[in-house]
């Protein structure tokens, strides 16, 4: 572990994060709800502290900053892992080496609420291996500008996006080196390399989600006819009448918000875990990240579905490596699809 320890020490000089192995919670949260999630976690930690059992939590605030915990997947000792690891997307904690070392070894145990959101059940998002708990998702849907489509039909499914009629009309969610991982994985799973090629051919640009919400339906030069956008941003702004929110008929591509809780620590940290399985849904804006807890009325359309890549697919592939390969391939196929800020 000398390589990992050296890397961590060198990065830790950049900030005040707790040392590896001392954290009760490491939480990477979606940027739109990061502040309110931090406040809820700090309130829970405050209760522990008043009872004489202070917690060490680490919730990075920067959306793209380097963090001392970034190399955590390289750890080999389960006792040096944070008690709860919570993250987003198909990042390091889906890497094959991490999965084989800890997930398959039974280090983590999933925890479910009394009432599971039926969208999760229908999409098969409950981990049959009992390790990952997906407590919410970033769902990718379409924003369609009917004026720019100029009479062409709006896409209603992911397969529709691959039609040549949309060449140069798609704007894809992307920021820096990041892209909509669930979109690429689901397209590749269903349509193979040809699907990635056709999607890249139709893509005008990559764009940060916040800018998508600003320029959709406008005459901005970087605006497209169809935006592939997280639901939160589609619902967070007033849209022109000629812009339609389209929930794909085959389901919104679901990028996971999840946690891994060490079995040995679950009783001690039950109130922290309860935040993910129940409390997350109490946050008003979390409705657009589709909480696992299904005890509240849904604000989603009745026809809403989720498109999950599937646990069999996860088991058969290193989805972390695959999503990175697909992102590189996409950019090589469409070097003109630069990232618009």
C-alpha atoms as a PDB file:
ATOM      1  CA  UNK A   1       0.000   0.000   0.000  1.00  0.00           C
ATOM      2  CA  UNK A   2       2.998   2.343  -0.151  1.00  0.00           C
ATOM      3  CA  UNK A   3       1.864   3.737  -3.501  1.00  0.00           C
ATOM      4  CA  UNK A   4      -1.628   4.565  -2.175  1.00  0.00           C
ATOM      5  CA  UNK A   5      -0.374   6.021   1.124  1.00  0.00           C
ATOM      6  CA  UNK A   6       2.101   8.273  -0.705  1.00  0.00           C
ATOM      7  CA  UNK A   7      -0.587   9.491  -3.096  1.00  0.00           C
ATOM      8  CA  UNK A   8      -3.006  10.242  -0.294  1.00  0.00           C
ATOM      9  CA  UNK A   9      -0.419  12.129   1.747  1.00  0.00           C
ATOM     10  CA  UNK A  10       0.540  14.235  -1.250  1.00  0.00           C
ATOM     11  CA  UNK A  11      -3.078  15.186  -1.970  1.00  0.00           C
ATOM     12  CA  UNK A  12      -3.992  15.779   1.671  1.00  0.00           C
ATOM     13  CA  UNK A  13      -1.608  18.728   1.728  1.00  0.00           C
ATOM     14  CA  UNK A  14      -4.116  20.423  -0.595  1.00  0.00           C
ATOM     15  CA  UNK A  15      -6.926  20.519   1.994  1.00  0.00           C
ATOM     16  CA  UNK A  16      -8.246  19.624   5.417  1.00  0.00           C
ATOM     17  CA  UNK A  17      -9.953  16.313   4.690  1.00  0.00           C
ATOM     18  CA  UNK A  18      -9.740  13.579   7.346  1.00  0.00           C
ATOM     19  CA  UNK A  19      -7.101  10.911   6.897  1.00  0.00           C
ATOM     20  CA  UNK A  20      -7.958   7.666   5.144  1.00  0.00           C
ATOM     21  CA  UNK A  21      -9.663   5.126   7.360  1.00  0.00           C
ATOM     22  CA  UNK A  22     -10.950   7.677   9.902  1.00  0.00           C
ATOM     23  CA  UNK A  23     -14.191   8.615   8.174  1.00  0.00           C
ATOM     24  CA  UNK A  24     -17.588   7.360   9.220  1.00  0.00           C
ATOM     25  CA  UNK A  25     -19.043   8.750   5.995  1.00  0.00           C
ATOM     26  CA  UNK A  26     -17.573   9.699   2.642  1.00  0.00           C
ATOM     27  CA  UNK A  27     -20.305  11.290   0.536  1.00  0.00           C
ATOM     28  CA  UNK A  28     -20.153  12.564  -3.018  1.00  0.00           C
ATOM     29  CA  UNK A  29     -23.570  14.123  -3.666  1.00  0.00           C
ATOM     30  CA  UNK A  30     -25.157  15.590  -6.821  1.00  0.00           C
ATOM     31  CA  UNK A  31     -24.232  19.262  -7.118  1.00  0.00           C
ATOM     32  CA  UNK A  32     -27.826  20.617  -7.178  1.00  0.00           C
ATOM     33  CA  UNK A  33     -28.628  19.102  -3.756  1.00  0.00           C
ATOM     34  CA  UNK A  34     -25.139  19.025  -2.259  1.00  0.00           C
ATOM     35  CA  UNK A  35     -25.598  21.923   0.175  1.00  0.00           C
ATOM     36  CA  UNK A  36     -28.917  20.772   1.581  1.00  0.00           C
ATOM     37  CA  UNK A  37     -27.644  17.186   1.856  1.00  0.00           C
ATOM     38  CA  UNK A  38     -24.604  18.447   3.747  1.00  0.00           C
ATOM     39  CA  UNK A  39     -26.828  20.396   6.135  1.00  0.00           C
ATOM     40  CA  UNK A  40     -28.969  17.313   6.850  1.00  0.00           C
ATOM     41  CA  UNK A  41     -25.904  15.148   7.439  1.00  0.00           C
ATOM     42  CA  UNK A  42     -24.349  17.756   9.722  1.00  0.00           C
ATOM     43  CA  UNK A  43     -27.565  17.869  11.764  1.00  0.00           C
ATOM     44  CA  UNK A  44     -27.464  14.089  12.192  1.00  0.00           C
ATOM     45  CA  UNK A  45     -23.764  14.195  13.082  1.00  0.00           C
ATOM     46  CA  UNK A  46     -24.561  16.918  15.624  1.00  0.00           C
ATOM     47  CA  UNK A  47     -26.981  14.603  17.393  1.00  0.00           C
ATOM     48  CA  UNK A  48     -24.316  11.893  17.564  1.00  0.00           C
ATOM     49  CA  UNK A  49     -21.844  14.410  18.994  1.00  0.00           C
ATOM     50  CA  UNK A  50     -24.264  15.550  21.702  1.00  0.00           C
ATOM     51  CA  UNK A  51     -24.580  11.905  22.728  1.00  0.00           C
ATOM     52  CA  UNK A  52     -20.824  11.627  23.113  1.00  0.00           C
ATOM     53  CA  UNK A  53     -20.237   9.726  19.867  1.00  0.00           C
ATOM     54  CA  UNK A  54     -18.890  12.300  17.393  1.00  0.00           C
ATOM     55  CA  UNK A  55     -18.676  11.299  13.740  1.00  0.00           C
ATOM     56  CA  UNK A  56     -16.156  12.131  11.054  1.00  0.00           C
ATOM     57  CA  UNK A  57     -17.876  12.930   7.782  1.00  0.00           C
ATOM     58  CA  UNK A  58     -16.396  14.158   4.517  1.00  0.00           C
ATOM     59  CA  UNK A  59     -18.597  15.752   1.854  1.00  0.00           C
ATOM     60  CA  UNK A  60     -16.533  17.484  -0.862  1.00  0.00           C
ATOM     61  CA  UNK A  61     -18.169  20.701  -2.021  1.00  0.00           C
ATOM     62  CA  UNK A  62     -16.418  21.221  -5.353  1.00  0.00           C
ATOM     63  CA  UNK A  63     -18.085  19.570  -8.342  1.00  0.00           C
ATOM     64  CA  UNK A  64     -14.826  18.886 -10.192  1.00  0.00           C
ATOM     65  CA  UNK A  65     -12.125  19.331  -7.540  1.00  0.00           C
ATOM     66  CA  UNK A  66      -9.386  16.839  -6.695  1.00  0.00           C
ATOM     67  CA  UNK A  67     -10.185  15.123  -3.405  1.00  0.00           C
ATOM     68  CA  UNK A  68      -7.932  13.191  -1.007  1.00  0.00           C
ATOM     69  CA  UNK A  69     -10.296  10.227  -1.239  1.00  0.00           C
ATOM     70  CA  UNK A  70     -10.067   9.937  -5.010  1.00  0.00           C
ATOM     71  CA  UNK A  71      -7.592   6.997  -4.841  1.00  0.00           C
ATOM     72  CA  UNK A  72      -9.690   5.113  -2.256  1.00  0.00           C
ATOM     73  CA  UNK A  73     -10.518   2.340  -4.724  1.00  0.00           C
ATOM     74  CA  UNK A  74      -6.862   1.262  -4.477  1.00  0.00           C
ATOM     75  CA  UNK A  75      -7.224   0.352  -0.796  1.00  0.00           C
ATOM     76  CA  UNK A  76      -6.738  -3.327   0.108  1.00  0.00           C
ATOM     77  CA  UNK A  77      -7.778  -3.330   3.777  1.00  0.00           C
ATOM     78  CA  UNK A  78     -11.533  -3.211   4.471  1.00  0.00           C
ATOM     79  CA  UNK A  79     -10.901  -1.789   7.940  1.00  0.00           C
ATOM     80  CA  UNK A  80      -9.389   1.314   6.343  1.00  0.00           C
ATOM     81  CA  UNK A  81     -12.469   2.060   4.268  1.00  0.00           C
ATOM     82  CA  UNK A  82     -14.978   4.661   5.457  1.00  0.00           C
ATOM     83  CA  UNK A  83     -17.876   3.006   7.269  1.00  0.00           C
ATOM     84  CA  UNK A  84     -20.262   4.348   4.624  1.00  0.00           C
ATOM     85  CA  UNK A  85     -19.220   5.260   1.084  1.00  0.00           C
ATOM     86  CA  UNK A  86     -21.866   7.164  -0.858  1.00  0.00           C
ATOM     87  CA  UNK A  87     -21.300   8.335  -4.409  1.00  0.00           C
ATOM     88  CA  UNK A  88     -22.881   9.028  -7.791  1.00  0.00           C
ATOM     89  CA  UNK A  89     -22.603   7.508 -11.249  1.00  0.00           C
ATOM     90  CA  UNK A  90     -20.446   4.580 -12.347  1.00  0.00           C
ATOM     91  CA  UNK A  91     -17.218   5.847 -10.809  1.00  0.00           C
ATOM     92  CA  UNK A  92     -14.390   4.246  -8.856  1.00  0.00           C
ATOM     93  CA  UNK A  93     -16.555   2.105  -6.603  1.00  0.00           C
ATOM     94  CA  UNK A  94     -17.748   0.126  -9.631  1.00  0.00           C
ATOM     95  CA  UNK A  95     -14.186  -0.637 -10.730  1.00  0.00           C
ATOM     96  CA  UNK A  96     -13.635  -4.360 -11.143  1.00  0.00           C
ATOM     97  CA  UNK A  97     -10.693  -4.396  -8.737  1.00  0.00           C
ATOM     98  CA  UNK A  98     -12.737  -2.688  -5.992  1.00  0.00           C
ATOM     99  CA  UNK A  99     -15.744  -4.912  -6.616  1.00  0.00           C
ATOM    100  CA  UNK A 100     -13.721  -8.110  -6.493  1.00  0.00           C
ATOM    101  CA  UNK A 101     -11.798  -7.051  -3.393  1.00  0.00           C
ATOM    102  CA  UNK A 102     -14.698  -5.783  -1.259  1.00  0.00           C
ATOM    103  CA  UNK A 103     -18.138  -6.162  -2.850  1.00  0.00           C
ATOM    104  CA  UNK A 104     -17.769  -9.842  -3.720  1.00  0.00           C
ATOM    105  CA  UNK A 105     -16.155 -10.458  -0.341  1.00  0.00           C
ATOM    106  CA  UNK A 106     -19.359  -9.462   1.442  1.00  0.00           C
ATOM    107  CA  UNK A 107     -17.970  -6.363   3.189  1.00  0.00           C
ATOM    108  CA  UNK A 108     -21.074  -4.277   2.431  1.00  0.00           C
ATOM    109  CA  UNK A 109     -24.759  -4.864   3.050  1.00  0.00           C
ATOM    110  CA  UNK A 110     -27.641  -3.087   1.342  1.00  0.00           C
ATOM    111  CA  UNK A 111     -30.452  -1.475   3.338  1.00  0.00           C
ATOM    112  CA  UNK A 112     -33.973  -0.863   2.010  1.00  0.00           C
ATOM    113  CA  UNK A 113     -36.851   1.297   3.260  1.00  0.00           C
ATOM    114  CA  UNK A 114     -40.176  -0.220   4.305  1.00  0.00           C
ATOM    115  CA  UNK A 115     -41.741   0.987   1.051  1.00  0.00           C
ATOM    116  CA  UNK A 116     -39.601   0.782  -2.084  1.00  0.00           C
ATOM    117  CA  UNK A 117     -40.351   3.156  -4.942  1.00  0.00           C
ATOM    118  CA  UNK A 118     -42.138   1.012  -7.562  1.00  0.00           C
ATOM    119  CA  UNK A 119     -40.017   2.586 -10.320  1.00  0.00           C
ATOM    120  CA  UNK A 120     -36.963   0.917  -8.760  1.00  0.00           C
ATOM    121  CA  UNK A 121     -38.681  -2.436  -8.571  1.00  0.00           C
ATOM    122  CA  UNK A 122     -39.948  -2.230 -12.152  1.00  0.00           C
ATOM    123  CA  UNK A 123     -36.494  -1.295 -13.452  1.00  0.00           C
ATOM    124  CA  UNK A 124     -34.754  -4.035 -11.441  1.00  0.00           C
ATOM    125  CA  UNK A 125     -32.570  -1.590  -9.512  1.00  0.00           C
ATOM    126  CA  UNK A 126     -32.483  -3.463  -6.203  1.00  0.00           C
ATOM    127  CA  UNK A 127     -29.074  -5.164  -5.996  1.00  0.00           C
ATOM    128  CA  UNK A 128     -29.625  -8.942  -5.939  1.00  0.00           C
ATOM    129  CA  UNK A 129     -26.141  -9.284  -4.456  1.00  0.00           C
ATOM    130  CA  UNK A 130     -27.194  -7.265  -1.410  1.00  0.00           C
ATOM    131  CA  UNK A 131     -24.230  -4.842  -1.439  1.00  0.00           C
ATOM    132  CA  UNK A 132     -25.154  -1.605  -3.253  1.00  0.00           C
ATOM    133  CA  UNK A 133     -28.123   0.466  -2.138  1.00  0.00           C
ATOM    134  CA  UNK A 134     -29.288   2.793  -4.891  1.00  0.00           C
ATOM    135  CA  UNK A 135     -31.082   5.499  -2.908  1.00  0.00           C
ATOM    136  CA  UNK A 136     -31.843   7.756  -5.876  1.00  0.00           C
ATOM    137  CA  UNK A 137     -30.981   8.308  -9.521  1.00  0.00           C
ATOM    138  CA  UNK A 138     -30.045  11.054 -11.913  1.00  0.00           C
ATOM    139  CA  UNK A 139     -32.608  10.416 -14.678  1.00  0.00           C
ATOM    140  CA  UNK A 140     -31.728  11.642 -18.169  1.00  0.00           C
ATOM    141  CA  UNK A 141     -34.669  12.746 -20.298  1.00  0.00           C
ATOM    142  CA  UNK A 142     -35.164  14.928 -23.418  1.00  0.00           C
ATOM    143  CA  UNK A 143     -35.940  18.617 -23.822  1.00  0.00           C
ATOM    144  CA  UNK A 144     -37.350  19.147 -27.302  1.00  0.00           C
ATOM    145  CA  UNK A 145     -37.547  22.481 -29.117  1.00  0.00           C
ATOM    146  CA  UNK A 146     -40.381  22.060 -31.612  1.00  0.00           C
ATOM    147  CA  UNK A 147     -39.504  25.267 -33.457  1.00  0.00           C
ATOM    148  CA  UNK A 148     -36.035  23.969 -34.231  1.00  0.00           C
ATOM    149  CA  UNK A 149     -37.431  20.582 -35.216  1.00  0.00           C
ATOM    150  CA  UNK A 150     -39.427  22.427 -37.891  1.00  0.00           C
ATOM    151  CA  UNK A 151     -42.062  19.749 -38.327  1.00  0.00           C
ATOM    152  CA  UNK A 152     -39.866  16.746 -37.697  1.00  0.00           C
ATOM    153  CA  UNK A 153     -41.288  14.363 -35.082  1.00  0.00           C
ATOM    154  CA  UNK A 154     -39.966  14.633 -31.560  1.00  0.00           C
ATOM    155  CA  UNK A 155     -37.922  11.651 -30.352  1.00  0.00           C
ATOM    156  CA  UNK A 156     -39.896   9.434 -27.987  1.00  0.00           C
ATOM    157  CA  UNK A 157     -37.312   6.750 -27.235  1.00  0.00           C
ATOM    158  CA  UNK A 158     -33.537   6.370 -27.053  1.00  0.00           C
ATOM    159  CA  UNK A 159     -33.511   4.554 -30.356  1.00  0.00           C
ATOM    160  CA  UNK A 160     -35.229   7.534 -31.991  1.00  0.00           C
ATOM    161  CA  UNK A 161     -32.217   9.728 -31.166  1.00  0.00           C
ATOM    162  CA  UNK A 162     -30.089   7.663 -33.525  1.00  0.00           C
ATOM    163  CA  UNK A 163     -32.174   8.533 -36.612  1.00  0.00           C
ATOM    164  CA  UNK A 164     -30.301  10.644 -39.219  1.00  0.00           C
ATOM    165  CA  UNK A 165     -33.083  13.263 -39.101  1.00  0.00           C
ATOM    166  CA  UNK A 166     -31.463  14.567 -35.909  1.00  0.00           C
ATOM    167  CA  UNK A 167     -27.973  14.965 -37.334  1.00  0.00           C
ATOM    168  CA  UNK A 168     -26.328  17.977 -35.693  1.00  0.00           C
ATOM    169  CA  UNK A 169     -29.408  18.617 -33.552  1.00  0.00           C
ATOM    170  CA  UNK A 170     -28.596  16.820 -30.291  1.00  0.00           C
ATOM    171  CA  UNK A 171     -26.931  18.481 -27.306  1.00  0.00           C
ATOM    172  CA  UNK A 172     -25.511  15.987 -24.845  1.00  0.00           C
ATOM    173  CA  UNK A 173     -24.965  16.479 -21.129  1.00  0.00           C
ATOM    174  CA  UNK A 174     -21.215  16.767 -20.584  1.00  0.00           C
ATOM    175  CA  UNK A 175     -18.743  18.827 -18.584  1.00  0.00           C
ATOM    176  CA  UNK A 176     -14.968  18.550 -18.945  1.00  0.00           C
ATOM    177  CA  UNK A 177     -14.084  14.877 -19.087  1.00  0.00           C
ATOM    178  CA  UNK A 178     -17.473  13.827 -17.703  1.00  0.00           C
ATOM    179  CA  UNK A 179     -20.360  12.669 -19.829  1.00  0.00           C
ATOM    180  CA  UNK A 180     -23.791  11.197 -19.139  1.00  0.00           C
ATOM    181  CA  UNK A 181     -22.535   7.728 -18.218  1.00  0.00           C
ATOM    182  CA  UNK A 182     -25.937   6.049 -18.020  1.00  0.00           C
ATOM    183  CA  UNK A 183     -26.793   7.297 -21.520  1.00  0.00           C
ATOM    184  CA  UNK A 184     -23.636   5.882 -23.102  1.00  0.00           C
ATOM    185  CA  UNK A 185     -23.873   2.558 -21.273  1.00  0.00           C
ATOM    186  CA  UNK A 186     -27.524   2.005 -22.157  1.00  0.00           C
ATOM    187  CA  UNK A 187     -27.034   2.995 -25.798  1.00  0.00           C
ATOM    188  CA  UNK A 188     -24.059   0.640 -26.080  1.00  0.00           C
ATOM    189  CA  UNK A 189     -25.878  -2.199 -24.345  1.00  0.00           C
ATOM    190  CA  UNK A 190     -28.910  -1.937 -26.633  1.00  0.00           C
ATOM    191  CA  UNK A 191     -27.406  -0.797 -29.944  1.00  0.00           C
ATOM    192  CA  UNK A 192     -23.717  -1.681 -29.681  1.00  0.00           C
ATOM    193  CA  UNK A 193     -20.912   0.303 -31.234  1.00  0.00           C
ATOM    194  CA  UNK A 194     -23.202   1.303 -34.097  1.00  0.00           C
ATOM    195  CA  UNK A 195     -25.428   3.066 -31.574  1.00  0.00           C
ATOM    196  CA  UNK A 196     -22.527   5.074 -30.162  1.00  0.00           C
ATOM    197  CA  UNK A 197     -21.414   5.970 -33.690  1.00  0.00           C
ATOM    198  CA  UNK A 198     -24.874   7.169 -34.674  1.00  0.00           C
ATOM    199  CA  UNK A 199     -25.360   9.105 -31.441  1.00  0.00           C
ATOM    200  CA  UNK A 200     -22.022  10.866 -31.943  1.00  0.00           C
ATOM    201  CA  UNK A 201     -22.928  11.676 -35.547  1.00  0.00           C
ATOM    202  CA  UNK A 202     -26.119  13.411 -34.409  1.00  0.00           C
ATOM    203  CA  UNK A 203     -24.507  15.338 -31.558  1.00  0.00           C
ATOM    204  CA  UNK A 204     -23.924  19.069 -32.012  1.00  0.00           C
ATOM    205  CA  UNK A 205     -22.099  19.691 -28.735  1.00  0.00           C
ATOM    206  CA  UNK A 206     -21.582  18.720 -25.129  1.00  0.00           C
ATOM    207  CA  UNK A 207     -22.946  21.187 -22.610  1.00  0.00           C
ATOM    208  CA  UNK A 208     -23.182  21.614 -18.852  1.00  0.00           C
ATOM    209  CA  UNK A 209     -26.686  20.880 -17.615  1.00  0.00           C
ATOM    210  CA  UNK A 210     -27.171  24.345 -16.132  1.00  0.00           C
ATOM    211  CA  UNK A 211     -26.517  25.986 -19.502  1.00  0.00           C
ATOM    212  CA  UNK A 212     -28.882  23.560 -21.217  1.00  0.00           C
ATOM    213  CA  UNK A 213     -31.697  24.866 -19.048  1.00  0.00           C
ATOM    214  CA  UNK A 214     -30.789  28.461 -19.971  1.00  0.00           C
ATOM    215  CA  UNK A 215     -30.496  28.107 -23.753  1.00  0.00           C
ATOM    216  CA  UNK A 216     -33.157  25.508 -24.504  1.00  0.00           C
ATOM    217  CA  UNK A 217     -35.758  27.052 -26.762  1.00  0.00           C
ATOM    218  CA  UNK A 218     -33.672  30.152 -27.484  1.00  0.00           C
ATOM    219  CA  UNK A 219     -31.811  31.343 -30.557  1.00  0.00           C
ATOM    220  CA  UNK A 220     -28.423  30.890 -28.896  1.00  0.00           C
ATOM    221  CA  UNK A 221     -25.885  29.551 -31.422  1.00  0.00           C
ATOM    222  CA  UNK A 222     -25.058  26.566 -29.229  1.00  0.00           C
ATOM    223  CA  UNK A 223     -28.694  25.586 -28.661  1.00  0.00           C
ATOM    224  CA  UNK A 224     -29.949  22.405 -30.251  1.00  0.00           C
ATOM    225  CA  UNK A 225     -33.319  20.932 -31.119  1.00  0.00           C
ATOM    226  CA  UNK A 226     -33.021  18.107 -28.582  1.00  0.00           C
ATOM    227  CA  UNK A 227     -31.201  18.214 -25.252  1.00  0.00           C
ATOM    228  CA  UNK A 228     -30.277  15.070 -23.305  1.00  0.00           C
ATOM    229  CA  UNK A 229     -30.543  16.517 -19.815  1.00  0.00           C
ATOM    230  CA  UNK A 230     -30.928  15.474 -16.170  1.00  0.00           C
ATOM    231  CA  UNK A 231     -34.525  15.792 -14.996  1.00  0.00           C
ATOM    232  CA  UNK A 232     -33.622  18.251 -12.222  1.00  0.00           C
ATOM    233  CA  UNK A 233     -32.410  20.874 -14.690  1.00  0.00           C
ATOM    234  CA  UNK A 234     -35.361  20.356 -17.007  1.00  0.00           C
ATOM    235  CA  UNK A 235     -37.719  21.008 -14.087  1.00  0.00           C
ATOM    236  CA  UNK A 236     -35.759  23.840 -12.487  1.00  0.00           C
ATOM    237  CA  UNK A 237     -36.480  26.554 -15.052  1.00  0.00           C
ATOM    238  CA  UNK A 238     -39.516  27.999 -16.809  1.00  0.00           C
ATOM    239  CA  UNK A 239     -39.499  26.691 -20.363  1.00  0.00           C
ATOM    240  CA  UNK A 240     -40.903  28.407 -23.466  1.00  0.00           C
ATOM    241  CA  UNK A 241     -44.199  27.001 -24.708  1.00  0.00           C
ATOM    242  CA  UNK A 242     -42.528  25.469 -27.760  1.00  0.00           C
ATOM    243  CA  UNK A 243     -40.181  23.380 -25.573  1.00  0.00           C
ATOM    244  CA  UNK A 244     -41.457  20.010 -24.403  1.00  0.00           C
ATOM    245  CA  UNK A 245     -40.162  17.775 -21.640  1.00  0.00           C
ATOM    246  CA  UNK A 246     -40.144  14.260 -23.094  1.00  0.00           C
ATOM    247  CA  UNK A 247     -39.841  11.296 -20.771  1.00  0.00           C
ATOM    248  CA  UNK A 248     -38.494   8.490 -23.018  1.00  0.00           C
ATOM    249  CA  UNK A 249     -41.039   5.743 -23.509  1.00  0.00           C
ATOM    250  CA  UNK A 250     -38.403   3.108 -22.760  1.00  0.00           C
ATOM    251  CA  UNK A 251     -37.369   4.923 -19.594  1.00  0.00           C
ATOM    252  CA  UNK A 252     -35.125   7.741 -18.408  1.00  0.00           C
ATOM    253  CA  UNK A 253     -31.501   6.593 -18.427  1.00  0.00           C
ATOM    254  CA  UNK A 254     -30.753   6.047 -14.742  1.00  0.00           C
ATOM    255  CA  UNK A 255     -27.373   7.014 -13.292  1.00  0.00           C
ATOM    256  CA  UNK A 256     -27.195   5.768  -9.692  1.00  0.00           C
ATOM    257  CA  UNK A 257     -26.979   7.662  -6.429  1.00  0.00           C
ATOM    258  CA  UNK A 258     -25.870   4.888  -4.109  1.00  0.00           C
ATOM    259  CA  UNK A 259     -24.163   3.941  -0.891  1.00  0.00           C
ATOM    260  CA  UNK A 260     -22.056   1.047   0.330  1.00  0.00           C
ATOM    261  CA  UNK A 261     -22.332   0.471   4.086  1.00  0.00           C
ATOM    262  CA  UNK A 262     -19.969  -1.878   5.881  1.00  0.00           C
ATOM    263  CA  UNK A 263     -22.003  -4.564   7.626  1.00  0.00           C
ATOM    264  CA  UNK A 264     -19.997  -4.221  10.825  1.00  0.00           C
ATOM    265  CA  UNK A 265     -20.898  -0.511  11.136  1.00  0.00           C
ATOM    266  CA  UNK A 266     -24.575  -0.475  10.205  1.00  0.00           C
ATOM    267  CA  UNK A 267     -26.009  -0.685  13.724  1.00  0.00           C
ATOM    268  CA  UNK A 268     -23.798   2.145  14.983  1.00  0.00           C
ATOM    269  CA  UNK A 269     -24.575   4.385  12.009  1.00  0.00           C
ATOM    270  CA  UNK A 270     -28.242   3.486  11.573  1.00  0.00           C
ATOM    271  CA  UNK A 271     -29.363   7.138  11.663  1.00  0.00           C
ATOM    272  CA  UNK A 272     -26.925   8.081   8.915  1.00  0.00           C
ATOM    273  CA  UNK A 273     -28.146   5.191   6.800  1.00  0.00           C
ATOM    274  CA  UNK A 274     -31.734   6.224   7.490  1.00  0.00           C
ATOM    275  CA  UNK A 275     -31.012   9.563   5.836  1.00  0.00           C
ATOM    276  CA  UNK A 276     -30.332   7.805   2.542  1.00  0.00           C
ATOM    277  CA  UNK A 277     -33.192   5.322   2.735  1.00  0.00           C
ATOM    278  CA  UNK A 278     -35.800   7.755   4.093  1.00  0.00           C
ATOM    279  CA  UNK A 279     -34.568  11.296   4.797  1.00  0.00           C
ATOM    280  CA  UNK A 280     -33.288  12.034   1.300  1.00  0.00           C
ATOM    281  CA  UNK A 281     -36.874  11.984   0.078  1.00  0.00           C
ATOM    282  CA  UNK A 282     -37.776  14.754   2.548  1.00  0.00           C
ATOM    283  CA  UNK A 283     -35.704  17.209   0.508  1.00  0.00           C
ATOM    284  CA  UNK A 284     -38.034  19.006  -1.903  1.00  0.00           C
ATOM    285  CA  UNK A 285     -35.604  19.081  -4.842  1.00  0.00           C
ATOM    286  CA  UNK A 286     -34.747  15.407  -4.318  1.00  0.00           C
ATOM    287  CA  UNK A 287     -38.032  14.571  -6.038  1.00  0.00           C
ATOM    288  CA  UNK A 288     -36.181  15.062  -9.352  1.00  0.00           C
ATOM    289  CA  UNK A 289     -33.555  12.526  -8.219  1.00  0.00           C
ATOM    290  CA  UNK A 290     -36.287   9.911  -7.593  1.00  0.00           C
ATOM    291  CA  UNK A 291     -35.728   8.723  -4.004  1.00  0.00           C
ATOM    292  CA  UNK A 292     -35.725   5.017  -3.208  1.00  0.00           C
ATOM    293  CA  UNK A 293     -38.278   5.585  -0.447  1.00  0.00           C
ATOM    294  CA  UNK A 294     -41.670   5.083  -2.039  1.00  0.00           C
ATOM    295  CA  UNK A 295     -43.793   6.217   0.898  1.00  0.00           C
ATOM    296  CA  UNK A 296     -44.393   9.715  -0.532  1.00  0.00           C
ATOM    297  CA  UNK A 297     -46.632  10.730  -3.432  1.00  0.00           C
ATOM    298  CA  UNK A 298     -44.684  10.941  -6.682  1.00  0.00           C
ATOM    299  CA  UNK A 299     -44.334  14.209  -8.600  1.00  0.00           C
ATOM    300  CA  UNK A 300     -43.407  12.358 -11.783  1.00  0.00           C
ATOM    301  CA  UNK A 301     -45.731  11.751 -14.746  1.00  0.00           C
ATOM    302  CA  UNK A 302     -47.739   8.559 -14.555  1.00  0.00           C
ATOM    303  CA  UNK A 303     -45.954   7.070 -17.568  1.00  0.00           C
ATOM    304  CA  UNK A 304     -42.483   7.619 -16.086  1.00  0.00           C
ATOM    305  CA  UNK A 305     -40.099   4.670 -16.253  1.00  0.00           C
ATOM    306  CA  UNK A 306     -36.415   4.148 -15.537  1.00  0.00           C
ATOM    307  CA  UNK A 307     -33.899   2.535 -17.874  1.00  0.00           C
ATOM    308  CA  UNK A 308     -31.307   0.738 -15.730  1.00  0.00           C
ATOM    309  CA  UNK A 309     -28.333  -0.954 -17.388  1.00  0.00           C
ATOM    310  CA  UNK A 310     -28.991  -4.043 -15.249  1.00  0.00           C
ATOM    311  CA  UNK A 311     -27.153  -6.003 -12.555  1.00  0.00           C
ATOM    312  CA  UNK A 312     -26.382  -8.887 -14.929  1.00  0.00           C
ATOM    313  CA  UNK A 313     -24.683  -6.388 -17.222  1.00  0.00           C
ATOM    314  CA  UNK A 314     -22.786  -4.879 -14.285  1.00  0.00           C
ATOM    315  CA  UNK A 315     -21.629  -8.345 -13.244  1.00  0.00           C
ATOM    316  CA  UNK A 316     -20.472  -9.205 -16.758  1.00  0.00           C
ATOM    317  CA  UNK A 317     -18.578  -5.963 -17.409  1.00  0.00           C
ATOM    318  CA  UNK A 318     -16.241  -3.552 -15.696  1.00  0.00           C
ATOM    319  CA  UNK A 319     -18.779  -0.760 -16.147  1.00  0.00           C
ATOM    320  CA  UNK A 320     -16.358   1.865 -14.866  1.00  0.00           C
ATOM    321  CA  UNK A 321     -13.780   1.004 -17.520  1.00  0.00           C
ATOM    322  CA  UNK A 322     -16.484   0.605 -20.171  1.00  0.00           C
ATOM    323  CA  UNK A 323     -18.037   4.017 -19.544  1.00  0.00           C
ATOM    324  CA  UNK A 324     -14.572   5.624 -19.832  1.00  0.00           C
ATOM    325  CA  UNK A 325     -13.871   3.776 -23.086  1.00  0.00           C
ATOM    326  CA  UNK A 326     -17.241   4.818 -24.504  1.00  0.00           C
ATOM    327  CA  UNK A 327     -16.621   8.467 -23.596  1.00  0.00           C
ATOM    328  CA  UNK A 328     -13.261   8.412 -25.379  1.00  0.00           C
ATOM    329  CA  UNK A 329     -14.803   6.688 -28.406  1.00  0.00           C
ATOM    330  CA  UNK A 330     -17.637   9.219 -28.525  1.00  0.00           C
ATOM    331  CA  UNK A 331     -15.219  12.146 -28.549  1.00  0.00           C
ATOM    332  CA  UNK A 332     -13.039  10.529 -31.206  1.00  0.00           C
ATOM    333  CA  UNK A 333     -16.076   9.969 -33.409  1.00  0.00           C
ATOM    334  CA  UNK A 334     -17.231  13.540 -32.960  1.00  0.00           C
ATOM    335  CA  UNK A 335     -14.255  15.796 -32.168  1.00  0.00           C
ATOM    336  CA  UNK A 336     -16.420  18.766 -33.138  1.00  0.00           C
ATOM    337  CA  UNK A 337     -18.762  18.125 -30.226  1.00  0.00           C
ATOM    338  CA  UNK A 338     -16.807  20.469 -27.970  1.00  0.00           C
ATOM    339  CA  UNK A 339     -17.935  21.187 -24.459  1.00  0.00           C
ATOM    340  CA  UNK A 340     -19.950  24.408 -24.233  1.00  0.00           C
ATOM    341  CA  UNK A 341     -19.771  26.110 -20.850  1.00  0.00           C
END
